[in-house]
């Protein structure tokens, strides 16, 4: 798997973090994107939101594992949690890059926002296919798996549209 594929879609062993991070990205895009939002500001909103949720995720897993093991975690165990959950902020790289390109004038602001959303939606589609592959699903079940992931992402967009109008 290439580095670009990893940045766009995560790794097969980090599906949970990639899906979670992508949903956080889409939520931040929806919440932070009034019609005239500067893509640079939106990139900061998305990045900050994802980092806050990632830190909270790492922290909560560290606490849970400490309690489960009934002892303080060592540095290697904490590093393992950080690495395992790193898919969450990685899920923001491609959408934030699209927003940054919009801030630099490569795309119009609206185009940058839509590219960011489409990159996030495509990551959810890929995760649906990956899950279906691991489960050896039929074609119909595969399409259903992809549709569920896509519906999750689209529901965020629909909710945003409903709230803002």
N, C-alpha and C. Protein backbone atom coordinates (compact mmCIF):
# COMPACT_ATOMS: atom_id res chain seq x y z
N UNK A 1 0.85 -1.18 0.00
CA UNK A 1 0.00 0.00 0.00
C UNK A 1 0.90 1.24 0.00
N UNK A 2 0.62 2.18 -0.88
CA UNK A 2 1.46 3.36 -1.00
C UNK A 2 1.16 4.35 0.14
N UNK A 3 2.06 5.30 0.34
CA UNK A 3 1.86 6.32 1.37
C UNK A 3 0.65 7.19 1.05
N UNK A 4 0.45 7.47 -0.23
CA UNK A 4 -0.71 8.29 -0.62
C UNK A 4 -2.00 7.55 -0.30
N UNK A 5 -2.07 6.26 -0.61
CA UNK A 5 -3.24 5.46 -0.28
C UNK A 5 -3.46 5.44 1.24
N UNK A 6 -2.39 5.31 2.00
CA UNK A 6 -2.50 5.31 3.45
C UNK A 6 -3.05 6.64 3.95
N UNK A 7 -2.56 7.75 3.40
CA UNK A 7 -3.07 9.06 3.81
C UNK A 7 -4.53 9.25 3.43
N UNK A 8 -4.90 8.76 2.26
CA UNK A 8 -6.28 8.93 1.81
C UNK A 8 -7.25 8.00 2.51
N UNK A 9 -6.83 6.75 2.74
CA UNK A 9 -7.78 5.74 3.18
C UNK A 9 -7.37 4.96 4.42
N UNK A 10 -6.24 5.29 5.02
CA UNK A 10 -5.80 4.55 6.19
C UNK A 10 -5.24 3.20 5.81
N UNK A 11 -4.92 2.42 6.83
CA UNK A 11 -4.42 1.06 6.60
C UNK A 11 -5.51 0.07 7.02
N UNK A 12 -5.47 -1.13 6.47
CA UNK A 12 -6.49 -2.12 6.84
C UNK A 12 -6.54 -2.40 8.34
N UNK A 13 -5.42 -2.28 9.03
CA UNK A 13 -5.42 -2.57 10.47
C UNK A 13 -5.85 -1.37 11.32
N UNK A 14 -6.18 -0.26 10.68
CA UNK A 14 -6.60 0.93 11.44
C UNK A 14 -7.96 1.44 10.97
N UNK A 15 -8.80 0.51 10.52
CA UNK A 15 -10.11 0.90 10.00
C UNK A 15 -10.90 1.71 11.04
N UNK A 16 -10.90 1.27 12.28
CA UNK A 16 -11.69 1.96 13.31
C UNK A 16 -11.26 3.42 13.45
N UNK A 17 -9.98 3.66 13.55
CA UNK A 17 -9.49 5.03 13.69
C UNK A 17 -9.74 5.85 12.45
N UNK A 18 -9.62 5.23 11.27
CA UNK A 18 -9.87 5.95 10.03
C UNK A 18 -11.34 6.34 9.92
N UNK A 19 -12.24 5.43 10.23
CA UNK A 19 -13.67 5.75 10.17
C UNK A 19 -14.01 6.81 11.21
N UNK A 20 -13.54 6.64 12.44
CA UNK A 20 -13.81 7.60 13.50
C UNK A 20 -13.25 8.98 13.12
N UNK A 21 -12.00 9.02 12.68
CA UNK A 21 -11.39 10.28 12.29
C UNK A 21 -12.10 10.94 11.14
N UNK A 22 -12.55 10.14 10.17
CA UNK A 22 -13.27 10.68 9.02
C UNK A 22 -14.60 11.28 9.45
N UNK A 23 -15.28 10.62 10.37
CA UNK A 23 -16.55 11.16 10.88
C UNK A 23 -16.32 12.46 11.64
N UNK A 24 -15.26 12.52 12.42
CA UNK A 24 -14.92 13.77 13.12
C UNK A 24 -14.62 14.86 12.10
N UNK A 25 -13.85 14.53 11.06
CA UNK A 25 -13.53 15.50 10.01
C UNK A 25 -14.82 16.02 9.36
N UNK A 26 -15.69 15.11 8.99
CA UNK A 26 -16.93 15.53 8.32
C UNK A 26 -17.80 16.37 9.24
N UNK A 27 -17.84 16.02 10.51
CA UNK A 27 -18.61 16.80 11.47
C UNK A 27 -18.04 18.21 11.61
N UNK A 28 -16.72 18.30 11.69
CA UNK A 28 -16.07 19.62 11.79
C UNK A 28 -16.27 20.42 10.52
N UNK A 29 -16.21 19.76 9.36
CA UNK A 29 -16.47 20.45 8.10
C UNK A 29 -17.89 21.00 8.08
N UNK A 30 -18.83 20.18 8.51
CA UNK A 30 -20.23 20.59 8.50
C UNK A 30 -20.48 21.72 9.51
N UNK A 31 -19.93 21.59 10.69
CA UNK A 31 -20.16 22.59 11.73
C UNK A 31 -19.43 23.90 11.45
N UNK A 32 -18.27 23.81 10.84
CA UNK A 32 -17.45 25.00 10.64
C UNK A 32 -17.59 25.64 9.29
N UNK A 33 -18.54 25.18 8.49
CA UNK A 33 -18.60 25.66 7.11
C UNK A 33 -19.87 26.43 6.79
N UNK A 34 -20.03 27.63 7.39
CA UNK A 34 -21.10 28.47 6.87
C UNK A 34 -20.76 28.80 5.41
N UNK A 35 -21.69 29.26 4.68
CA UNK A 35 -21.54 29.44 3.24
C UNK A 35 -20.27 30.16 2.83
N UNK A 36 -19.80 31.13 3.57
CA UNK A 36 -18.67 31.96 3.13
C UNK A 36 -17.40 31.75 3.96
N UNK A 37 -17.25 30.59 4.59
CA UNK A 37 -16.08 30.35 5.43
C UNK A 37 -14.81 30.27 4.59
N UNK A 38 -13.78 30.97 5.04
CA UNK A 38 -12.47 30.92 4.41
C UNK A 38 -11.91 29.50 4.57
N UNK A 39 -11.43 28.88 3.49
CA UNK A 39 -10.93 27.50 3.61
C UNK A 39 -9.75 27.38 4.57
N UNK A 40 -8.95 28.43 4.71
CA UNK A 40 -7.85 28.39 5.68
C UNK A 40 -8.37 28.29 7.10
N UNK A 41 -9.40 29.08 7.42
CA UNK A 41 -10.02 29.01 8.75
C UNK A 41 -10.67 27.65 8.97
N UNK A 42 -11.32 27.16 7.93
CA UNK A 42 -11.96 25.85 8.04
C UNK A 42 -10.91 24.75 8.26
N UNK A 43 -9.76 24.86 7.61
CA UNK A 43 -8.68 23.89 7.81
C UNK A 43 -8.22 23.90 9.27
N UNK A 44 -8.13 25.10 9.86
CA UNK A 44 -7.74 25.21 11.27
C UNK A 44 -8.81 24.60 12.17
N UNK A 45 -10.08 24.86 11.87
CA UNK A 45 -11.18 24.29 12.65
C UNK A 45 -11.14 22.77 12.60
N UNK A 46 -11.00 22.22 11.40
CA UNK A 46 -10.98 20.76 11.24
C UNK A 46 -9.76 20.17 11.96
N UNK A 47 -8.60 20.75 11.75
CA UNK A 47 -7.37 20.23 12.37
C UNK A 47 -7.47 20.27 13.89
N UNK A 48 -7.91 21.39 14.43
CA UNK A 48 -8.02 21.53 15.89
C UNK A 48 -9.02 20.53 16.45
N UNK A 49 -10.16 20.41 15.79
CA UNK A 49 -11.19 19.47 16.27
C UNK A 49 -10.68 18.04 16.27
N UNK A 50 -10.04 17.65 15.18
CA UNK A 50 -9.53 16.28 15.08
C UNK A 50 -8.46 16.03 16.14
N UNK A 51 -7.56 16.99 16.34
CA UNK A 51 -6.51 16.80 17.34
C UNK A 51 -7.08 16.70 18.76
N UNK A 52 -8.08 17.51 19.07
CA UNK A 52 -8.71 17.44 20.39
C UNK A 52 -9.35 16.08 20.60
N UNK A 53 -10.09 15.60 19.60
CA UNK A 53 -10.73 14.28 19.73
C UNK A 53 -9.69 13.16 19.79
N UNK A 54 -8.59 13.31 19.05
CA UNK A 54 -7.54 12.28 19.08
C UNK A 54 -6.90 12.23 20.47
N UNK A 55 -6.57 13.39 21.02
CA UNK A 55 -5.97 13.42 22.36
C UNK A 55 -6.94 12.82 23.38
N UNK A 56 -8.21 13.17 23.28
CA UNK A 56 -9.20 12.61 24.20
C UNK A 56 -9.30 11.10 24.03
N UNK A 57 -9.22 10.63 22.80
CA UNK A 57 -9.30 9.20 22.51
C UNK A 57 -8.09 8.46 23.11
N UNK A 58 -6.91 9.00 22.88
CA UNK A 58 -5.69 8.38 23.42
C UNK A 58 -5.75 8.38 24.95
N UNK A 59 -6.13 9.50 25.53
CA UNK A 59 -6.21 9.63 26.98
C UNK A 59 -7.20 8.62 27.57
N UNK A 60 -8.39 8.52 26.97
CA UNK A 60 -9.40 7.61 27.51
C UNK A 60 -8.96 6.15 27.37
N UNK A 61 -8.29 5.81 26.27
CA UNK A 61 -7.78 4.44 26.12
C UNK A 61 -6.68 4.15 27.15
N UNK A 62 -5.82 5.13 27.39
CA UNK A 62 -4.76 4.94 28.38
C UNK A 62 -5.35 4.73 29.77
N UNK A 63 -6.35 5.50 30.13
CA UNK A 63 -7.01 5.32 31.42
C UNK A 63 -7.67 3.95 31.50
N UNK A 64 -8.39 3.57 30.45
CA UNK A 64 -9.08 2.28 30.43
C UNK A 64 -8.09 1.12 30.57
N UNK A 65 -6.98 1.19 29.86
CA UNK A 65 -6.00 0.11 29.94
C UNK A 65 -5.30 0.09 31.30
N UNK A 66 -5.06 1.27 31.86
CA UNK A 66 -4.48 1.33 33.21
C UNK A 66 -5.39 0.64 34.21
N UNK A 67 -6.67 0.95 34.14
CA UNK A 67 -7.63 0.35 35.06
C UNK A 67 -7.75 -1.16 34.81
N UNK A 68 -7.83 -1.55 33.54
CA UNK A 68 -7.95 -2.97 33.21
C UNK A 68 -6.75 -3.78 33.69
N UNK A 69 -5.55 -3.18 33.58
CA UNK A 69 -4.32 -3.87 34.01
C UNK A 69 -4.03 -3.69 35.50
N UNK A 70 -4.73 -2.73 36.10
CA UNK A 70 -4.55 -2.43 37.52
C UNK A 70 -3.11 -2.00 37.85
N UNK A 71 -2.55 -1.23 36.92
CA UNK A 71 -1.20 -0.70 37.12
C UNK A 71 -0.96 0.44 36.15
N UNK A 72 0.06 1.23 36.42
CA UNK A 72 0.43 2.32 35.53
C UNK A 72 1.02 1.76 34.23
N UNK A 73 0.66 2.37 33.11
CA UNK A 73 1.21 1.94 31.83
C UNK A 73 2.64 2.43 31.70
N UNK A 74 3.47 1.64 31.05
CA UNK A 74 4.83 2.11 30.79
C UNK A 74 4.87 2.88 29.46
N UNK A 75 6.00 3.46 29.17
CA UNK A 75 6.14 4.30 27.97
C UNK A 75 5.82 3.53 26.69
N UNK A 76 6.26 2.28 26.60
CA UNK A 76 6.01 1.48 25.41
C UNK A 76 4.51 1.24 25.21
N UNK A 77 3.79 1.02 26.28
CA UNK A 77 2.34 0.79 26.18
C UNK A 77 1.61 2.07 25.76
N UNK A 78 2.03 3.20 26.30
CA UNK A 78 1.42 4.48 25.91
C UNK A 78 1.74 4.78 24.45
N UNK A 79 2.98 4.54 24.05
CA UNK A 79 3.37 4.74 22.66
C UNK A 79 2.55 3.85 21.74
N UNK A 80 2.29 2.64 22.15
CA UNK A 80 1.47 1.71 21.36
C UNK A 80 0.05 2.27 21.17
N UNK A 81 -0.52 2.84 22.21
CA UNK A 81 -1.86 3.43 22.11
C UNK A 81 -1.83 4.61 21.15
N UNK A 82 -0.82 5.47 21.29
CA UNK A 82 -0.71 6.64 20.42
C UNK A 82 -0.61 6.20 18.96
N UNK A 83 0.23 5.22 18.69
CA UNK A 83 0.39 4.73 17.31
C UNK A 83 -0.88 4.10 16.78
N UNK A 84 -1.52 3.30 17.60
CA UNK A 84 -2.75 2.62 17.18
C UNK A 84 -3.85 3.62 16.83
N UNK A 85 -3.93 4.69 17.59
CA UNK A 85 -4.99 5.68 17.38
C UNK A 85 -4.59 6.80 16.42
N UNK A 86 -3.38 6.75 15.87
CA UNK A 86 -2.90 7.81 14.99
C UNK A 86 -3.69 7.89 13.68
N UNK A 87 -4.47 6.86 13.39
CA UNK A 87 -5.32 6.89 12.20
C UNK A 87 -6.36 8.01 12.30
N UNK A 88 -6.71 8.42 13.51
CA UNK A 88 -7.70 9.48 13.68
C UNK A 88 -7.20 10.79 13.06
N UNK A 89 -6.05 11.31 13.48
CA UNK A 89 -5.59 12.55 12.83
C UNK A 89 -5.16 12.34 11.37
N UNK A 90 -4.69 11.15 11.03
CA UNK A 90 -4.33 10.90 9.63
C UNK A 90 -5.53 11.02 8.71
N UNK A 91 -6.71 10.72 9.24
CA UNK A 91 -7.93 10.83 8.42
C UNK A 91 -8.19 12.26 7.99
N UNK A 92 -7.59 13.22 8.68
CA UNK A 92 -7.80 14.64 8.35
C UNK A 92 -6.82 15.16 7.31
N UNK A 93 -5.75 14.44 7.05
CA UNK A 93 -4.68 14.96 6.19
C UNK A 93 -5.19 15.33 4.79
N UNK A 94 -5.87 14.43 4.12
CA UNK A 94 -6.31 14.71 2.75
C UNK A 94 -7.35 15.84 2.71
N UNK A 95 -8.42 15.78 3.55
CA UNK A 95 -9.39 16.89 3.51
C UNK A 95 -8.77 18.25 3.89
N UNK A 96 -7.89 18.26 4.88
CA UNK A 96 -7.26 19.51 5.27
C UNK A 96 -6.33 20.02 4.17
N UNK A 97 -5.68 19.11 3.46
CA UNK A 97 -4.84 19.51 2.33
C UNK A 97 -5.69 20.19 1.26
N UNK A 98 -6.87 19.64 0.99
CA UNK A 98 -7.76 20.27 0.01
C UNK A 98 -8.15 21.68 0.46
N UNK A 99 -8.44 21.83 1.74
CA UNK A 99 -8.78 23.15 2.27
C UNK A 99 -7.60 24.11 2.18
N UNK A 100 -6.41 23.60 2.48
CA UNK A 100 -5.20 24.44 2.40
C UNK A 100 -4.97 24.90 0.96
N UNK A 101 -5.21 24.01 0.00
CA UNK A 101 -5.08 24.39 -1.40
C UNK A 101 -6.10 25.48 -1.76
N UNK A 102 -7.27 25.39 -1.17
CA UNK A 102 -8.25 26.45 -1.36
C UNK A 102 -7.80 27.76 -0.76
N UNK A 103 -7.18 27.70 0.41
CA UNK A 103 -6.67 28.91 1.06
C UNK A 103 -5.54 29.54 0.24
N UNK A 104 -4.78 28.69 -0.46
CA UNK A 104 -3.69 29.19 -1.30
C UNK A 104 -4.16 29.66 -2.68
N UNK A 105 -5.44 29.49 -2.96
CA UNK A 105 -5.98 29.95 -4.23
C UNK A 105 -5.92 28.93 -5.35
N UNK A 106 -5.49 27.70 -5.06
CA UNK A 106 -5.46 26.66 -6.09
C UNK A 106 -6.88 26.27 -6.48
N UNK A 107 -7.78 26.22 -5.49
CA UNK A 107 -9.21 25.95 -5.71
C UNK A 107 -9.99 27.16 -5.24
N UNK A 108 -11.20 27.33 -5.75
CA UNK A 108 -12.12 28.30 -5.15
C UNK A 108 -12.50 27.74 -3.77
N UNK A 109 -12.91 28.62 -2.86
CA UNK A 109 -13.26 28.20 -1.50
C UNK A 109 -14.32 27.10 -1.50
N UNK A 110 -15.36 27.27 -2.29
CA UNK A 110 -16.43 26.26 -2.31
C UNK A 110 -15.92 24.94 -2.88
N UNK A 111 -15.06 25.01 -3.88
CA UNK A 111 -14.49 23.80 -4.47
C UNK A 111 -13.64 23.07 -3.44
N UNK A 112 -12.83 23.81 -2.69
CA UNK A 112 -11.97 23.20 -1.66
C UNK A 112 -12.81 22.47 -0.63
N UNK A 113 -13.91 23.09 -0.20
CA UNK A 113 -14.78 22.45 0.79
C UNK A 113 -15.40 21.17 0.24
N UNK A 114 -15.85 21.22 -1.02
CA UNK A 114 -16.45 20.03 -1.62
C UNK A 114 -15.42 18.93 -1.86
N UNK A 115 -14.22 19.30 -2.26
CA UNK A 115 -13.16 18.30 -2.42
C UNK A 115 -12.87 17.64 -1.08
N UNK A 116 -12.80 18.43 -0.01
CA UNK A 116 -12.56 17.88 1.33
C UNK A 116 -13.67 16.89 1.71
N UNK A 117 -14.92 17.26 1.46
CA UNK A 117 -16.05 16.38 1.77
C UNK A 117 -15.98 15.11 0.93
N UNK A 118 -15.70 15.25 -0.36
CA UNK A 118 -15.64 14.08 -1.24
C UNK A 118 -14.49 13.14 -0.86
N UNK A 119 -13.37 13.70 -0.43
CA UNK A 119 -12.26 12.85 0.04
C UNK A 119 -12.68 12.07 1.29
N UNK A 120 -13.38 12.74 2.19
CA UNK A 120 -13.84 12.06 3.41
C UNK A 120 -14.87 10.98 3.06
N UNK A 121 -15.81 11.30 2.19
CA UNK A 121 -16.79 10.30 1.78
C UNK A 121 -16.13 9.11 1.10
N UNK A 122 -15.13 9.37 0.26
CA UNK A 122 -14.45 8.26 -0.42
C UNK A 122 -13.71 7.38 0.58
N UNK A 123 -13.18 7.97 1.65
CA UNK A 123 -12.53 7.16 2.69
C UNK A 123 -13.54 6.23 3.35
N UNK A 124 -14.75 6.72 3.59
CA UNK A 124 -15.79 5.87 4.18
C UNK A 124 -16.19 4.75 3.24
N UNK A 125 -16.25 5.04 1.95
CA UNK A 125 -16.58 4.01 0.96
C UNK A 125 -15.51 2.92 0.96
N UNK A 126 -14.25 3.32 0.96
CA UNK A 126 -13.15 2.35 0.96
C UNK A 126 -13.23 1.47 2.22
N UNK A 127 -13.53 2.06 3.36
CA UNK A 127 -13.62 1.27 4.60
C UNK A 127 -14.77 0.26 4.52
N UNK A 128 -15.86 0.66 3.87
CA UNK A 128 -16.97 -0.28 3.68
C UNK A 128 -16.55 -1.48 2.84
N UNK A 129 -15.79 -1.22 1.77
CA UNK A 129 -15.28 -2.32 0.95
C UNK A 129 -14.28 -3.19 1.72
N UNK A 130 -13.42 -2.54 2.51
CA UNK A 130 -12.45 -3.32 3.30
C UNK A 130 -13.16 -4.24 4.29
N UNK A 131 -14.14 -3.69 4.98
CA UNK A 131 -14.89 -4.50 5.94
C UNK A 131 -15.56 -5.67 5.24
N UNK A 132 -16.18 -5.40 4.11
CA UNK A 132 -16.86 -6.46 3.37
C UNK A 132 -15.88 -7.52 2.91
N UNK A 133 -14.67 -7.10 2.53
CA UNK A 133 -13.66 -8.07 2.11
C UNK A 133 -13.21 -8.97 3.24
N UNK A 134 -13.01 -8.40 4.40
CA UNK A 134 -12.60 -9.19 5.57
C UNK A 134 -13.69 -10.19 5.95
N UNK A 135 -14.94 -9.75 5.82
CA UNK A 135 -16.07 -10.60 6.18
C UNK A 135 -16.48 -11.55 5.06
N UNK A 136 -15.80 -11.46 3.90
CA UNK A 136 -16.12 -12.30 2.73
C UNK A 136 -17.60 -12.20 2.38
N UNK A 137 -18.08 -10.98 2.30
CA UNK A 137 -19.50 -10.74 2.03
C UNK A 137 -19.83 -10.96 0.56
N UNK A 138 -21.09 -11.25 0.32
CA UNK A 138 -21.59 -11.34 -1.06
C UNK A 138 -21.58 -9.95 -1.68
N UNK A 139 -21.83 -9.89 -2.97
CA UNK A 139 -21.87 -8.58 -3.63
C UNK A 139 -22.94 -7.68 -3.02
N UNK A 140 -24.11 -8.25 -2.78
CA UNK A 140 -25.20 -7.45 -2.19
C UNK A 140 -24.81 -6.95 -0.81
N UNK A 141 -24.27 -7.84 0.03
CA UNK A 141 -23.86 -7.43 1.38
C UNK A 141 -22.73 -6.40 1.32
N UNK A 142 -21.83 -6.54 0.36
CA UNK A 142 -20.76 -5.56 0.17
C UNK A 142 -21.34 -4.19 -0.15
N UNK A 143 -22.27 -4.16 -1.10
CA UNK A 143 -22.90 -2.89 -1.45
C UNK A 143 -23.66 -2.31 -0.27
N UNK A 144 -24.26 -3.16 0.53
CA UNK A 144 -24.96 -2.70 1.73
C UNK A 144 -23.97 -2.11 2.74
N UNK A 145 -22.84 -2.77 2.91
CA UNK A 145 -21.79 -2.28 3.82
C UNK A 145 -21.30 -0.90 3.38
N UNK A 146 -21.04 -0.76 2.09
CA UNK A 146 -20.59 0.52 1.54
C UNK A 146 -21.68 1.57 1.71
N UNK A 147 -22.92 1.17 1.43
CA UNK A 147 -24.05 2.11 1.54
C UNK A 147 -24.23 2.60 2.98
N UNK A 148 -24.05 1.73 3.94
CA UNK A 148 -24.18 2.14 5.35
C UNK A 148 -23.10 3.17 5.69
N UNK A 149 -21.88 2.91 5.29
CA UNK A 149 -20.80 3.88 5.56
C UNK A 149 -21.07 5.20 4.85
N UNK A 150 -21.48 5.12 3.61
CA UNK A 150 -21.78 6.32 2.84
C UNK A 150 -22.96 7.08 3.46
N UNK A 151 -23.97 6.35 3.89
CA UNK A 151 -25.14 6.98 4.53
C UNK A 151 -24.74 7.71 5.80
N UNK A 152 -23.81 7.14 6.54
CA UNK A 152 -23.34 7.81 7.76
C UNK A 152 -22.73 9.16 7.42
N UNK A 153 -21.85 9.18 6.42
CA UNK A 153 -21.24 10.43 6.01
C UNK A 153 -22.24 11.41 5.44
N UNK A 154 -23.14 10.91 4.61
CA UNK A 154 -24.14 11.80 4.00
C UNK A 154 -25.12 12.34 5.04
N UNK A 155 -25.40 11.56 6.08
CA UNK A 155 -26.32 12.05 7.12
C UNK A 155 -25.75 13.27 7.82
N UNK A 156 -24.44 13.33 7.96
CA UNK A 156 -23.81 14.50 8.57
C UNK A 156 -24.05 15.73 7.68
N UNK A 157 -23.90 15.55 6.38
CA UNK A 157 -24.12 16.65 5.45
C UNK A 157 -25.59 17.08 5.46
N UNK A 158 -26.49 16.11 5.47
CA UNK A 158 -27.92 16.41 5.47
C UNK A 158 -28.31 17.13 6.76
N UNK A 159 -27.81 16.68 7.89
CA UNK A 159 -28.10 17.35 9.16
C UNK A 159 -27.60 18.78 9.15
N UNK A 160 -26.42 18.99 8.59
CA UNK A 160 -25.85 20.33 8.50
C UNK A 160 -26.75 21.22 7.66
N UNK A 161 -27.19 20.70 6.52
CA UNK A 161 -28.07 21.47 5.65
C UNK A 161 -29.39 21.78 6.34
N UNK A 162 -29.93 20.82 7.07
CA UNK A 162 -31.21 21.03 7.75
C UNK A 162 -31.09 22.07 8.86
N UNK A 163 -29.99 22.05 9.60
CA UNK A 163 -29.79 22.98 10.71
C UNK A 163 -29.51 24.39 10.21
N UNK A 164 -28.78 24.51 9.11
CA UNK A 164 -28.37 25.83 8.63
C UNK A 164 -29.46 26.52 7.79
N UNK A 165 -30.53 25.84 7.49
CA UNK A 165 -31.59 26.48 6.68
C UNK A 165 -32.84 26.66 7.46
